[in-house]
C-alpha atoms as a PDB file:
ATOM      1  CA  MET A   1      -0.018   0.019  -0.021  1.00  0.00           C
ATOM      2  CA  ALA A   2       1.587   3.302  -1.106  1.00  0.00           C
ATOM      3  CA  ILE A   3       0.405   6.575   0.325  1.00  0.00           C
ATOM      4  CA  GLU A   4       1.886   9.881  -0.807  1.00  0.00           C
ATOM      5  CA  VAL A   5       2.612  12.320   2.028  1.00  0.00           C
ATOM      6  CA  ARG A   6       3.287  16.057   1.337  1.00  0.00           C
ATOM      7  CA  ILE A   7       5.638  17.485   3.935  1.00  0.00           C
ATOM      8  CA  PRO A   8       5.661  21.169   4.908  1.00  0.00           C
ATOM      9  CA  THR A   9       8.953  23.092   4.688  1.00  0.00           C
ATOM     10  CA  ILE A  10       9.311  23.238   8.505  1.00  0.00           C
ATOM     11  CA  LEU A  11       9.368  19.448   8.755  1.00  0.00           C
ATOM     12  CA  ARG A  12      11.596  18.651   5.782  1.00  0.00           C
ATOM     13  CA  SER A  13      14.672  18.374   7.977  1.00  0.00           C
ATOM     14  CA  TYR A  14      13.243  15.063   9.120  1.00  0.00           C
ATOM     15  CA  THR A  15      12.816  13.804   5.505  1.00  0.00           C
ATOM     16  CA  GLY A  16      16.228  14.824   4.236  1.00  0.00           C
ATOM     17  CA  GLY A  17      14.635  17.802   2.493  1.00  0.00           C
ATOM     18  CA  ALA A  18      12.112  15.728   0.583  1.00  0.00           C
ATOM     19  CA  LYS A  19       8.804  17.566  -0.179  1.00  0.00           C
ATOM     20  CA  VAL A  20       6.976  14.288  -0.782  1.00  0.00           C
ATOM     21  CA  VAL A  21       7.562  10.870   0.844  1.00  0.00           C
ATOM     22  CA  GLU A  22       5.739   7.600   0.648  1.00  0.00           C
ATOM     23  CA  GLY A  23       4.403   5.505   3.545  1.00  0.00           C
ATOM     24  CA  ALA A  24       2.015   2.743   4.337  1.00  0.00           C
ATOM     25  CA  GLY A  25      -0.702   2.118   6.871  1.00  0.00           C
ATOM     26  CA  GLU A  26      -4.358   1.259   7.263  1.00  0.00           C
ATOM     27  CA  THR A  27      -4.973   4.354   9.429  1.00  0.00           C
ATOM     28  CA  LEU A  28      -3.330   7.793   9.740  1.00  0.00           C
ATOM     29  CA  GLY A  29      -1.812   6.631  13.063  1.00  0.00           C
ATOM     30  CA  ASP A  30      -0.321   3.581  11.351  1.00  0.00           C
ATOM     31  CA  LEU A  31       1.074   5.811   8.515  1.00  0.00           C
ATOM     32  CA  LEU A  32       2.709   8.166  10.978  1.00  0.00           C
ATOM     33  CA  THR A  33       4.299   5.270  12.758  1.00  0.00           C
ATOM     34  CA  ASP A  34       5.624   3.912   9.463  1.00  0.00           C
ATOM     35  CA  LEU A  35       6.945   7.348   8.452  1.00  0.00           C
ATOM     36  CA  ASP A  36       8.629   7.732  11.828  1.00  0.00           C
ATOM     37  CA  SER A  37      10.459   4.417  11.349  1.00  0.00           C
ATOM     38  CA  ARG A  38      12.044   5.988   8.222  1.00  0.00           C
ATOM     39  CA  HIS A  39      12.169   9.639   9.306  1.00  0.00           C
ATOM     40  CA  ALA A  40      12.898   9.543  13.052  1.00  0.00           C
ATOM     41  CA  GLY A  41      11.292  12.326  15.039  1.00  0.00           C
ATOM     42  CA  LEU A  42       8.625  13.236  12.538  1.00  0.00           C
ATOM     43  CA  LYS A  43       5.741  11.666  14.479  1.00  0.00           C
ATOM     44  CA  ALA A  44       6.641  13.481  17.681  1.00  0.00           C
ATOM     45  CA  ARG A  45       6.145  16.810  15.877  1.00  0.00           C
ATOM     46  CA  LEU A  46       2.651  15.852  14.837  1.00  0.00           C
ATOM     47  CA  VAL A  47       1.254  13.766  17.712  1.00  0.00           C
ATOM     48  CA  THR A  48       1.060  14.793  21.390  1.00  0.00           C
ATOM     49  CA  ASP A  49       2.377  12.617  24.310  1.00  0.00           C
ATOM     50  CA  ALA A  50      -1.284  11.841  24.936  1.00  0.00           C
ATOM     51  CA  GLY A  51      -1.668  10.327  21.440  1.00  0.00           C
ATOM     52  CA  ALA A  52      -3.691  13.001  19.708  1.00  0.00           C
ATOM     53  CA  LEU A  53      -2.790  15.288  16.778  1.00  0.00           C
ATOM     54  CA  HIS A  54      -1.291  18.601  17.885  1.00  0.00           C
ATOM     55  CA  ARG A  55      -3.941  21.266  17.583  1.00  0.00           C
ATOM     56  CA  PHE A  56      -1.640  23.483  15.499  1.00  0.00           C
ATOM     57  CA  VAL A  57      -1.135  20.800  12.847  1.00  0.00           C
ATOM     58  CA  ASN A  58      -3.731  20.253  10.078  1.00  0.00           C
ATOM     59  CA  VAL A  59      -3.715  16.947   8.219  1.00  0.00           C
ATOM     60  CA  TYR A  60      -5.737  16.211   5.133  1.00  0.00           C
ATOM     61  CA  VAL A  61      -6.486  12.913   3.368  1.00  0.00           C
ATOM     62  CA  ASN A  62      -7.449  13.566  -0.238  1.00  0.00           C
ATOM     63  CA  ASP A  63      -8.235  17.147   0.726  1.00  0.00           C
ATOM     64  CA  GLU A  64     -10.542  16.076   3.592  1.00  0.00           C
ATOM     65  CA  ASP A  65      -9.650  17.310   7.175  1.00  0.00           C
ATOM     66  CA  VAL A  66      -8.825  14.213   9.271  1.00  0.00           C
ATOM     67  CA  ARG A  67     -10.525  15.751  12.277  1.00  0.00           C
ATOM     68  CA  PHE A  68     -13.757  14.920  10.480  1.00  0.00           C
ATOM     69  CA  LEU A  69     -12.537  11.483   9.394  1.00  0.00           C
ATOM     70  CA  GLY A  70     -11.567  10.092  12.768  1.00  0.00           C
ATOM     71  CA  ALA A  71      -8.215  11.888  13.319  1.00  0.00           C
ATOM     72  CA  LEU A  72      -5.476   9.284  13.810  1.00  0.00           C
ATOM     73  CA  ASP A  73      -8.094   6.495  13.280  1.00  0.00           C
ATOM     74  CA  ALA A  74      -8.909   7.886   9.791  1.00  0.00           C
ATOM     75  CA  LYS A  75      -8.885   4.996   7.300  1.00  0.00           C
ATOM     76  CA  LEU A  76      -6.450   5.091   4.423  1.00  0.00           C
ATOM     77  CA  ASN A  77      -6.410   3.352   1.060  1.00  0.00           C
ATOM     78  CA  ASP A  78      -3.699   2.610  -1.493  1.00  0.00           C
ATOM     79  CA  GLY A  79      -3.115   5.678  -3.574  1.00  0.00           C
ATOM     80  CA  ASP A  80      -4.353   8.186  -1.007  1.00  0.00           C
ATOM     81  CA  SER A  81      -2.709  11.556  -0.713  1.00  0.00           C
ATOM     82  CA  VAL A  82      -1.957  12.966   2.773  1.00  0.00           C
ATOM     83  CA  THR A  83      -0.990  16.605   3.256  1.00  0.00           C
ATOM     84  CA  ILE A  84       0.447  17.923   6.475  1.00  0.00           C
ATOM     85  CA  LEU A  85       0.124  21.649   7.089  1.00  0.00           C
ATOM     86  CA  PRO A  86       1.094  23.697  10.143  1.00  0.00           C
ATOM     87  CA  ALA A  87      -1.790  25.890  11.200  1.00  0.00           C
ATOM     88  CA  VAL A  88      -1.286  29.526  10.313  1.00  0.00           C
ATOM     89  CA  ALA A  89      -1.808  31.931  13.150  1.00  0.00           C
ATOM     90  CA  GLY A  90      -0.631  35.421  13.949  1.00  0.00           C
ATOM     91  CA  GLY A  91       1.026  36.806  17.032  1.00  0.00           C
ATOM     92  CA  ALA A  92       2.863  34.868  19.694  1.00  0.00           C
ATOM     93  CA  PHE A  93       0.783  31.696  19.144  1.00  0.00           C
ATOM     94  CA  GLY A  94       1.990  31.423  15.563  1.00  0.00           C
ATOM     95  CA  PHE A  95       5.609  31.601  16.689  1.00  0.00           C
ATOM     96  CA  ALA A  96       4.961  29.039  19.434  1.00  0.00           C
ATOM     97  CA  ALA A  97       3.384  26.622  16.935  1.00  0.00           C
ATOM     98  CA  ALA A  98       6.290  27.059  14.473  1.00  0.00           C
ATOM     99  CA  ALA A  99       8.814  26.505  17.339  1.00  0.00           C
ATOM    100  CA  ALA A 100       7.020  23.380  18.453  1.00  0.00           C
ATOM    101  CA  LEU A 101       7.008  21.970  14.919  1.00  0.00           C
ATOM    102  CA  ALA A 102      10.682  22.832  14.588  1.00  0.00           C
ATOM    103  CA  GLY A 103      11.446  20.962  17.765  1.00  0.00           C
ATOM    104  CA  GLY A 104      12.624  24.019  19.603  1.00  0.00           C
ATOM    105  CA  ARG A 105      15.086  25.122  16.832  1.00  0.00           C
ATOM    106  CA  ARG A 106      15.047  28.707  15.847  1.00  0.00           C
ATOM    107  CA  VAL A 107      12.695  29.429  12.976  1.00  0.00           C
ATOM    108  CA  ALA A 108      13.346  32.198  10.416  1.00  0.00           C
ATOM    109  CA  VAL A 109      10.334  34.391   9.899  1.00  0.00           C
ATOM    110  CA  ALA A 110       9.919  36.623   6.840  1.00  0.00           C
ATOM    111  CA  ARG A 111       8.502  40.030   7.453  1.00  0.00           C
END
C-alpha cells in the first residue's frame, strides 16, 4: 500500500529535504508510525504525548480534514494523498506553533 505524504517546509529536515515521501498504513496513526520508522522524530512533531494530533497541525487525506474522518483513526487506502500543514496563526501563538514543529530550533520568519 503506497500513500503519498506532502511534507511542509518546516518538517523537511526530518525527511532529508524531501517535499513528498511515501508511507504505508491502514490508518493515519499507522502511517505516521511507518513514516517515523524511516524519518525519526517526525511523528513527535505531529502527535502529542497523549496520542492526539497537535492542535496546531492540520492533516488532510485527499483534501478532507482528518478531524472529520476520525483523526489518527482515519482509514487510508492505497493511492491516497496525505497533506500535512502547520496551522497559520498570527502573534505569539503562531511563533509558538512554529517553534514546536521545529522541535525548539530557531525558525526564520519573513517580514
